[in-house]
């Protein structure tokens, strides 16, 4: 017995296959598909001087919002640095 969700998923799969056949497209076999990029490195602007400033300001007790305003960066960037480098 199929659940409603699996029935819909199967119907959608058949519809995609019908559409691909109608338009002359087929998905490549699994062996020919490109591997997913799961091991990409983060690309960012690592700045050791900024890290030193953030460390210093955290040690002095500044809030995240104050650090962000002072260094003219986003609060999320400050939160990321604090989490990544185990600051405060």
PDB file of N, CA and C in Angstrom:
ATOM      1  N   UNK A   1       0.840  -1.183   0.000  1.00  0.00           N
ATOM      2  CA  UNK A   1       0.000   0.000   0.000  1.00  0.00           C
ATOM      3  C   UNK A   1       0.885   1.246   0.000  1.00  0.00           C
ATOM      4  N   UNK A   2       0.606   2.163  -0.901  1.00  0.00           N
ATOM      5  CA  UNK A   2       1.382   3.396  -1.001  1.00  0.00           C
ATOM      6  C   UNK A   2       0.710   4.489  -0.191  1.00  0.00           C
ATOM      7  N   UNK A   3       1.556   5.345   0.340  1.00  0.00           N
ATOM      8  CA  UNK A   3       1.000   6.522   0.983  1.00  0.00           C
ATOM      9  C   UNK A   3       0.718   7.557  -0.089  1.00  0.00           C
ATOM     10  N   UNK A   4      -0.006   8.570   0.288  1.00  0.00           N
ATOM     11  CA  UNK A   4      -0.350   9.610  -0.679  1.00  0.00           C
ATOM     12  C   UNK A   4       0.894  10.339  -1.176  1.00  0.00           C
ATOM     13  N   UNK A   5       1.869  10.566  -0.274  1.00  0.00           N
ATOM     14  CA  UNK A   5       3.090  11.283  -0.648  1.00  0.00           C
ATOM     15  C   UNK A   5       3.905  10.483  -1.661  1.00  0.00           C
ATOM     16  N   UNK A   6       4.042   9.173  -1.441  1.00  0.00           N
ATOM     17  CA  UNK A   6       4.828   8.381  -2.390  1.00  0.00           C
ATOM     18  C   UNK A   6       4.101   8.243  -3.717  1.00  0.00           C
ATOM     19  N   UNK A   7       2.778   8.209  -3.691  1.00  0.00           N
ATOM     20  CA  UNK A   7       2.011   8.153  -4.929  1.00  0.00           C
ATOM     21  C   UNK A   7       2.232   9.420  -5.748  1.00  0.00           C
ATOM     22  N   UNK A   8       2.224  10.569  -5.076  1.00  0.00           N
ATOM     23  CA  UNK A   8       2.464  11.839  -5.774  1.00  0.00           C
ATOM     24  C   UNK A   8       3.894  11.903  -6.310  1.00  0.00           C
ATOM     25  N   UNK A   9       4.849  11.416  -5.529  1.00  0.00           N
ATOM     26  CA  UNK A   9       6.242  11.428  -5.968  1.00  0.00           C
ATOM     27  C   UNK A   9       6.423  10.558  -7.205  1.00  0.00           C
ATOM     28  N   UNK A  10       5.769   9.393  -7.211  1.00  0.00           N
ATOM     29  CA  UNK A  10       5.863   8.503  -8.354  1.00  0.00           C
ATOM     30  C   UNK A  10       5.203   9.123  -9.585  1.00  0.00           C
ATOM     31  N   UNK A  11       4.062   9.762  -9.390  1.00  0.00           N
ATOM     32  CA  UNK A  11       3.372  10.426 -10.485  1.00  0.00           C
ATOM     33  C   UNK A  11       4.240  11.550 -11.071  1.00  0.00           C
ATOM     34  N   UNK A  12       4.884  12.319 -10.201  1.00  0.00           N
ATOM     35  CA  UNK A  12       5.755  13.405 -10.656  1.00  0.00           C
ATOM     36  C   UNK A  12       6.941  12.857 -11.444  1.00  0.00           C
ATOM     37  N   UNK A  13       7.503  11.750 -10.977  1.00  0.00           N
ATOM     38  CA  UNK A  13       8.634  11.137 -11.667  1.00  0.00           C
ATOM     39  C   UNK A  13       8.220  10.693 -13.077  1.00  0.00           C
ATOM     40  N   UNK A  14       7.042  10.075 -13.191  1.00  0.00           N
ATOM     41  CA  UNK A  14       6.547   9.643 -14.501  1.00  0.00           C
ATOM     42  C   UNK A  14       6.301  10.850 -15.409  1.00  0.00           C
ATOM     43  N   UNK A  15       5.755  11.907 -14.859  1.00  0.00           N
ATOM     44  CA  UNK A  15       5.469  13.110 -15.647  1.00  0.00           C
ATOM     45  C   UNK A  15       6.760  13.751 -16.159  1.00  0.00           C
ATOM     46  N   UNK A  16       7.797  13.796 -15.313  1.00  0.00           N
ATOM     47  CA  UNK A  16       9.093  14.341 -15.750  1.00  0.00           C
ATOM     48  C   UNK A  16       9.685  13.496 -16.867  1.00  0.00           C
ATOM     49  N   UNK A  17       9.575  12.171 -16.737  1.00  0.00           N
ATOM     50  CA  UNK A  17      10.100  11.274 -17.768  1.00  0.00           C
ATOM     51  C   UNK A  17       9.331  11.468 -19.081  1.00  0.00           C
ATOM     52  N   UNK A  18       8.009  11.603 -19.005  1.00  0.00           N
ATOM     53  CA  UNK A  18       7.197  11.816 -20.199  1.00  0.00           C
ATOM     54  C   UNK A  18       7.579  13.127 -20.880  1.00  0.00           C
ATOM     55  N   UNK A  19       7.767  14.159 -20.082  1.00  0.00           N
ATOM     56  CA  UNK A  19       8.133  15.468 -20.617  1.00  0.00           C
ATOM     57  C   UNK A  19       9.506  15.414 -21.280  1.00  0.00           C
ATOM     58  N   UNK A  20      10.458  14.752 -20.627  1.00  0.00           N
ATOM     59  CA  UNK A  20      11.806  14.644 -21.192  1.00  0.00           C
ATOM     60  C   UNK A  20      11.770  13.876 -22.506  1.00  0.00           C
ATOM     61  N   UNK A  21      10.980  12.803 -22.562  1.00  0.00           N
ATOM     62  CA  UNK A  21      10.878  12.014 -23.787  1.00  0.00           C
ATOM     63  C   UNK A  21      10.232  12.838 -24.903  1.00  0.00           C
ATOM     64  N   UNK A  22       9.211  13.596 -24.548  1.00  0.00           N
ATOM     65  CA  UNK A  22       8.507  14.413 -25.528  1.00  0.00           C
ATOM     66  C   UNK A  22       9.442  15.444 -26.152  1.00  0.00           C
ATOM     67  N   UNK A  23      10.311  16.018 -25.358  1.00  0.00           N
ATOM     68  CA  UNK A  23      11.201  17.066 -25.844  1.00  0.00           C
ATOM     69  C   UNK A  23      12.570  16.540 -26.244  1.00  0.00           C
ATOM     70  N   UNK A  24      12.739  15.233 -26.262  1.00  0.00           N
ATOM     71  CA  UNK A  24      13.982  14.638 -26.730  1.00  0.00           C
ATOM     72  C   UNK A  24      15.131  14.744 -25.759  1.00  0.00           C
ATOM     73  N   UNK A  25      14.835  14.862 -24.508  1.00  0.00           N
ATOM     74  CA  UNK A  25      15.901  14.964 -23.502  1.00  0.00           C
ATOM     75  C   UNK A  25      15.849  13.736 -22.617  1.00  0.00           C
ATOM     76  N   UNK A  26      17.017  13.282 -22.252  1.00  0.00           N
ATOM     77  CA  UNK A  26      17.096  12.188 -21.300  1.00  0.00           C
ATOM     78  C   UNK A  26      18.203  12.509 -20.324  1.00  0.00           C
ATOM     79  N   UNK A  27      17.994  12.118 -19.100  1.00  0.00           N
ATOM     80  CA  UNK A  27      19.033  12.304 -18.094  1.00  0.00           C
ATOM     81  C   UNK A  27      20.161  11.331 -18.386  1.00  0.00           C
ATOM     82  N   UNK A  28      21.396  11.756 -18.232  1.00  0.00           N
ATOM     83  CA  UNK A  28      22.504  10.832 -18.472  1.00  0.00           C
ATOM     84  C   UNK A  28      22.480   9.707 -17.435  1.00  0.00           C
ATOM     85  N   UNK A  29      23.028   8.551 -17.788  1.00  0.00           N
ATOM     86  CA  UNK A  29      23.093   7.473 -16.798  1.00  0.00           C
ATOM     87  C   UNK A  29      23.885   7.914 -15.571  1.00  0.00           C
ATOM     88  N   UNK A  30      23.627   7.274 -14.473  1.00  0.00           N
ATOM     89  CA  UNK A  30      24.263   7.663 -13.207  1.00  0.00           C
ATOM     90  C   UNK A  30      25.778   7.645 -13.331  1.00  0.00           C
ATOM     91  N   UNK A  31      26.319   6.698 -14.111  1.00  0.00           N
ATOM     92  CA  UNK A  31      27.775   6.598 -14.249  1.00  0.00           C
ATOM     93  C   UNK A  31      28.370   7.804 -14.979  1.00  0.00           C
ATOM     94  N   UNK A  32      27.563   8.518 -15.789  1.00  0.00           N
ATOM     95  CA  UNK A  32      28.069   9.659 -16.547  1.00  0.00           C
ATOM     96  C   UNK A  32      27.754  11.005 -15.902  1.00  0.00           C
ATOM     97  N   UNK A  33      26.999  10.984 -14.818  1.00  0.00           N
ATOM     98  CA  UNK A  33      26.638  12.244 -14.176  1.00  0.00           C
ATOM     99  C   UNK A  33      27.842  12.827 -13.454  1.00  0.00           C
ATOM    100  N   UNK A  34      27.878  14.147 -13.410  1.00  0.00           N
ATOM    101  CA  UNK A  34      28.979  14.831 -12.742  1.00  0.00           C
ATOM    102  C   UNK A  34      28.868  14.629 -11.234  1.00  0.00           C
ATOM    103  N   UNK A  35      29.995  14.447 -10.564  1.00  0.00           N
ATOM    104  CA  UNK A  35      29.939  14.321  -9.107  1.00  0.00           C
ATOM    105  C   UNK A  35      29.569  15.662  -8.476  1.00  0.00           C
ATOM    106  N   UNK A  36      28.863  15.601  -7.371  1.00  0.00           N
ATOM    107  CA  UNK A  36      28.483  16.826  -6.680  1.00  0.00           C
ATOM    108  C   UNK A  36      29.697  17.411  -5.977  1.00  0.00           C
ATOM    109  N   UNK A  37      29.725  18.726  -5.941  1.00  0.00           N
ATOM    110  CA  UNK A  37      30.840  19.412  -5.291  1.00  0.00           C
ATOM    111  C   UNK A  37      30.518  19.572  -3.814  1.00  0.00           C
ATOM    112  N   UNK A  38      30.917  18.593  -3.032  1.00  0.00           N
ATOM    113  CA  UNK A  38      30.640  18.653  -1.605  1.00  0.00           C
ATOM    114  C   UNK A  38      31.868  19.025  -0.789  1.00  0.00           C
ATOM    115  N   UNK A  39      33.034  18.952  -1.405  1.00  0.00           N
ATOM    116  CA  UNK A  39      34.258  19.218  -0.663  1.00  0.00           C
ATOM    117  C   UNK A  39      34.865  20.575  -1.018  1.00  0.00           C
ATOM    118  N   UNK A  40      34.001  21.526  -1.384  1.00  0.00           N
ATOM    119  CA  UNK A  40      34.511  22.855  -1.717  1.00  0.00           C
ATOM    120  C   UNK A  40      34.979  23.573  -0.455  1.00  0.00           C
ATOM    121  N   UNK A  41      36.044  24.317  -0.594  1.00  0.00           N
ATOM    122  CA  UNK A  41      36.518  25.124   0.519  1.00  0.00           C
ATOM    123  C   UNK A  41      35.781  26.453   0.513  1.00  0.00           C
ATOM    124  N   UNK A  42      35.648  27.025   1.674  1.00  0.00           N
ATOM    125  CA  UNK A  42      35.038  28.345   1.766  1.00  0.00           C
ATOM    126  C   UNK A  42      35.985  29.364   1.167  1.00  0.00           C
ATOM    127  N   UNK A  43      35.412  30.247   0.409  1.00  0.00           N
ATOM    128  CA  UNK A  43      36.210  31.320  -0.176  1.00  0.00           C
ATOM    129  C   UNK A  43      35.755  32.597   0.500  1.00  0.00           C
ATOM    130  N   UNK A  44      36.644  33.232   1.175  1.00  0.00           N
ATOM    131  CA  UNK A  44      36.281  34.443   1.874  1.00  0.00           C
ATOM    132  C   UNK A  44      37.451  35.387   1.940  1.00  0.00           C
ATOM    133  N   UNK A  45      37.268  36.424   2.675  1.00  0.00           N
ATOM    134  CA  UNK A  45      38.336  37.400   2.803  1.00  0.00           C
ATOM    135  C   UNK A  45      38.938  37.260   4.197  1.00  0.00           C
ATOM    136  N   UNK A  46      39.835  36.308   4.354  1.00  0.00           N
ATOM    137  CA  UNK A  46      40.509  36.126   5.632  1.00  0.00           C
ATOM    138  C   UNK A  46      41.430  37.311   5.851  1.00  0.00           C
ATOM    139  N   UNK A  47      41.245  37.956   6.966  1.00  0.00           N
ATOM    140  CA  UNK A  47      42.024  39.141   7.274  1.00  0.00           C
ATOM    141  C   UNK A  47      42.538  39.000   8.704  1.00  0.00           C
ATOM    142  N   UNK A  48      43.818  38.647   8.880  1.00  0.00           N
ATOM    143  CA  UNK A  48      44.341  38.434  10.229  1.00  0.00           C
ATOM    144  C   UNK A  48      44.285  39.698  11.102  1.00  0.00           C
ATOM    145  N   UNK A  49      44.384  40.863  10.476  1.00  0.00           N
ATOM    146  CA  UNK A  49      44.306  42.101  11.263  1.00  0.00           C
ATOM    147  C   UNK A  49      42.902  42.285  11.832  1.00  0.00           C
ATOM    148  N   UNK A  50      41.886  41.976  11.006  1.00  0.00           N
ATOM    149  CA  UNK A  50      40.503  42.086  11.475  1.00  0.00           C
ATOM    150  C   UNK A  50      40.241  41.061  12.570  1.00  0.00           C
ATOM    151  N   UNK A  51      40.786  39.857  12.413  1.00  0.00           N
ATOM    152  CA  UNK A  51      40.623  38.831  13.441  1.00  0.00           C
ATOM    153  C   UNK A  51      41.210  39.312  14.766  1.00  0.00           C
ATOM    154  N   UNK A  52      42.379  39.932  14.706  1.00  0.00           N
ATOM    155  CA  UNK A  52      43.001  40.444  15.929  1.00  0.00           C
ATOM    156  C   UNK A  52      42.124  41.521  16.571  1.00  0.00           C
ATOM    157  N   UNK A  53      41.543  42.396  15.752  1.00  0.00           N
ATOM    158  CA  UNK A  53      40.656  43.439  16.279  1.00  0.00           C
ATOM    159  C   UNK A  53      39.406  42.826  16.917  1.00  0.00           C
ATOM    160  N   UNK A  54      38.819  41.842  16.252  1.00  0.00           N
ATOM    161  CA  UNK A  54      37.619  41.203  16.796  1.00  0.00           C
ATOM    162  C   UNK A  54      37.958  40.515  18.118  1.00  0.00           C
ATOM    163  N   UNK A  55      39.077  39.795  18.159  1.00  0.00           N
ATOM    164  CA  UNK A  55      39.500  39.132  19.398  1.00  0.00           C
ATOM    165  C   UNK A  55      39.648  40.137  20.529  1.00  0.00           C
ATOM    166  N   UNK A  56      40.337  41.226  20.231  1.00  0.00           N
ATOM    167  CA  UNK A  56      40.582  42.259  21.242  1.00  0.00           C
ATOM    168  C   UNK A  56      39.276  42.860  21.749  1.00  0.00           C
ATOM    169  N   UNK A  57      38.363  43.158  20.823  1.00  0.00           N
ATOM    170  CA  UNK A  57      37.100  43.780  21.218  1.00  0.00           C
ATOM    171  C   UNK A  57      36.221  42.815  22.008  1.00  0.00           C
ATOM    172  N   UNK A  58      36.258  41.534  21.664  1.00  0.00           N
ATOM    173  CA  UNK A  58      35.489  40.535  22.418  1.00  0.00           C
ATOM    174  C   UNK A  58      36.036  40.431  23.833  1.00  0.00           C
ATOM    175  N   UNK A  59      37.367  40.397  23.946  1.00  0.00           N
ATOM    176  CA  UNK A  59      37.993  40.313  25.272  1.00  0.00           C
ATOM    177  C   UNK A  59      37.666  41.530  26.128  1.00  0.00           C
ATOM    178  N   UNK A  60      37.487  42.696  25.494  1.00  0.00           N
ATOM    179  CA  UNK A  60      37.153  43.914  26.234  1.00  0.00           C
ATOM    180  C   UNK A  60      35.671  43.987  26.583  1.00  0.00           C
ATOM    181  N   UNK A  61      34.880  43.052  26.051  1.00  0.00           N
ATOM    182  CA  UNK A  61      33.478  42.992  26.426  1.00  0.00           C
ATOM    183  C   UNK A  61      32.521  43.715  25.491  1.00  0.00           C
ATOM    184  N   UNK A  62      32.957  44.055  24.298  1.00  0.00           N
ATOM    185  CA  UNK A  62      32.067  44.708  23.340  1.00  0.00           C
ATOM    186  C   UNK A  62      30.985  43.731  22.879  1.00  0.00           C
ATOM    187  N   UNK A  63      29.802  44.249  22.601  1.00  0.00           N
ATOM    188  CA  UNK A  63      28.728  43.434  22.046  1.00  0.00           C
ATOM    189  C   UNK A  63      28.965  43.229  20.555  1.00  0.00           C
ATOM    190  N   UNK A  64      28.308  42.217  20.004  1.00  0.00           N
ATOM    191  CA  UNK A  64      28.449  41.904  18.578  1.00  0.00           C
ATOM    192  C   UNK A  64      28.067  43.084  17.706  1.00  0.00           C
ATOM    193  N   UNK A  65      26.960  43.726  18.031  1.00  0.00           N
ATOM    194  CA  UNK A  65      26.494  44.857  17.234  1.00  0.00           C
ATOM    195  C   UNK A  65      27.492  46.015  17.278  1.00  0.00           C
ATOM    196  N   UNK A  66      28.111  46.237  18.436  1.00  0.00           N
ATOM    197  CA  UNK A  66      29.097  47.313  18.557  1.00  0.00           C
ATOM    198  C   UNK A  66      30.365  47.011  17.748  1.00  0.00           C
ATOM    199  N   UNK A  67      30.782  45.742  17.765  1.00  0.00           N
ATOM    200  CA  UNK A  67      31.964  45.345  16.985  1.00  0.00           C
ATOM    201  C   UNK A  67      31.681  45.543  15.501  1.00  0.00           C
ATOM    202  N   UNK A  68      30.508  45.118  15.069  1.00  0.00           N
ATOM    203  CA  UNK A  68      30.137  45.239  13.658  1.00  0.00           C
ATOM    204  C   UNK A  68      30.111  46.700  13.224  1.00  0.00           C
ATOM    205  N   UNK A  69      29.519  47.551  14.036  1.00  0.00           N
ATOM    206  CA  UNK A  69      29.453  48.976  13.691  1.00  0.00           C
ATOM    207  C   UNK A  69      30.843  49.607  13.657  1.00  0.00           C
ATOM    208  N   UNK A  70      31.668  49.253  14.604  1.00  0.00           N
ATOM    209  CA  UNK A  70      33.012  49.823  14.692  1.00  0.00           C
ATOM    210  C   UNK A  70      33.883  49.418  13.499  1.00  0.00           C
ATOM    211  N   UNK A  71      33.794  48.131  13.103  1.00  0.00           N
ATOM    212  CA  UNK A  71      34.638  47.632  12.012  1.00  0.00           C
ATOM    213  C   UNK A  71      33.966  47.739  10.642  1.00  0.00           C
ATOM    214  N   UNK A  72      32.713  48.244  10.641  1.00  0.00           N
ATOM    215  CA  UNK A  72      31.939  48.405   9.399  1.00  0.00           C
ATOM    216  C   UNK A  72      31.795  47.083   8.641  1.00  0.00           C
ATOM    217  N   UNK A  73      31.416  46.037   9.399  1.00  0.00           N
ATOM    218  CA  UNK A  73      31.115  44.731   8.823  1.00  0.00           C
ATOM    219  C   UNK A  73      29.756  44.286   9.359  1.00  0.00           C
ATOM    220  N   UNK A  74      29.205  43.234   8.797  1.00  0.00           N
ATOM    221  CA  UNK A  74      27.884  42.781   9.232  1.00  0.00           C
ATOM    222  C   UNK A  74      27.976  42.054  10.567  1.00  0.00           C
ATOM    223  N   UNK A  75      26.838  42.067  11.272  1.00  0.00           N
ATOM    224  CA  UNK A  75      26.778  41.358  12.548  1.00  0.00           C
ATOM    225  C   UNK A  75      26.969  39.865  12.340  1.00  0.00           C
ATOM    226  N   UNK A  76      26.441  39.348  11.223  1.00  0.00           N
ATOM    227  CA  UNK A  76      26.586  37.916  10.962  1.00  0.00           C
ATOM    228  C   UNK A  76      28.055  37.542  10.761  1.00  0.00           C
ATOM    229  N   UNK A  77      28.831  38.442  10.184  1.00  0.00           N
ATOM    230  CA  UNK A  77      30.273  38.186  10.031  1.00  0.00           C
ATOM    231  C   UNK A  77      30.945  38.102  11.397  1.00  0.00           C
ATOM    232  N   UNK A  78      30.573  38.995  12.274  1.00  0.00           N
ATOM    233  CA  UNK A  78      31.157  38.978  13.626  1.00  0.00           C
ATOM    234  C   UNK A  78      30.751  37.695  14.344  1.00  0.00           C
ATOM    235  N   UNK A  79      29.465  37.313  14.236  1.00  0.00           N
ATOM    236  CA  UNK A  79      29.015  36.069  14.874  1.00  0.00           C
ATOM    237  C   UNK A  79      29.768  34.867  14.314  1.00  0.00           C
ATOM    238  N   UNK A  80      29.982  34.861  12.986  1.00  0.00           N
ATOM    239  CA  UNK A  80      30.729  33.767  12.364  1.00  0.00           C
ATOM    240  C   UNK A  80      32.142  33.701  12.926  1.00  0.00           C
ATOM    241  N   UNK A  81      32.840  34.814  12.983  1.00  0.00           N
ATOM    242  CA  UNK A  81      34.215  34.828  13.484  1.00  0.00           C
ATOM    243  C   UNK A  81      34.255  34.377  14.939  1.00  0.00           C
ATOM    244  N   UNK A  82      33.283  34.853  15.719  1.00  0.00           N
ATOM    245  CA  UNK A  82      33.252  34.463  17.140  1.00  0.00           C
ATOM    246  C   UNK A  82      33.053  32.966  17.280  1.00  0.00           C
ATOM    247  N   UNK A  83      32.183  32.393  16.470  1.00  0.00           N
ATOM    248  CA  UNK A  83      31.901  30.960  16.551  1.00  0.00           C
ATOM    249  C   UNK A  83      33.094  30.158  16.001  1.00  0.00           C
ATOM    250  N   UNK A  84      33.611  30.558  14.840  1.00  0.00           N
ATOM    251  CA  UNK A  84      34.659  29.807  14.174  1.00  0.00           C
ATOM    252  C   UNK A  84      35.946  29.775  14.989  1.00  0.00           C
ATOM    253  N   UNK A  85      36.273  30.881  15.644  1.00  0.00           N
ATOM    254  CA  UNK A  85      37.518  30.981  16.397  1.00  0.00           C
ATOM    255  C   UNK A  85      37.304  30.865  17.909  1.00  0.00           C
ATOM    256  N   UNK A  86      36.104  30.424  18.314  1.00  0.00           N
ATOM    257  CA  UNK A  86      35.775  30.227  19.742  1.00  0.00           C
ATOM    258  C   UNK A  86      36.114  31.449  20.591  1.00  0.00           C
ATOM    259  N   UNK A  87      35.615  32.588  20.162  1.00  0.00           N
ATOM    260  CA  UNK A  87      35.843  33.830  20.904  1.00  0.00           C
ATOM    261  C   UNK A  87      34.638  34.105  21.779  1.00  0.00           C
ATOM    262  N   UNK A  88      34.880  34.471  22.992  1.00  0.00           N
ATOM    263  CA  UNK A  88      33.822  34.895  23.910  1.00  0.00           C
ATOM    264  C   UNK A  88      32.735  33.994  24.080  1.00  0.00           C
TER     265      UNK A  88
END
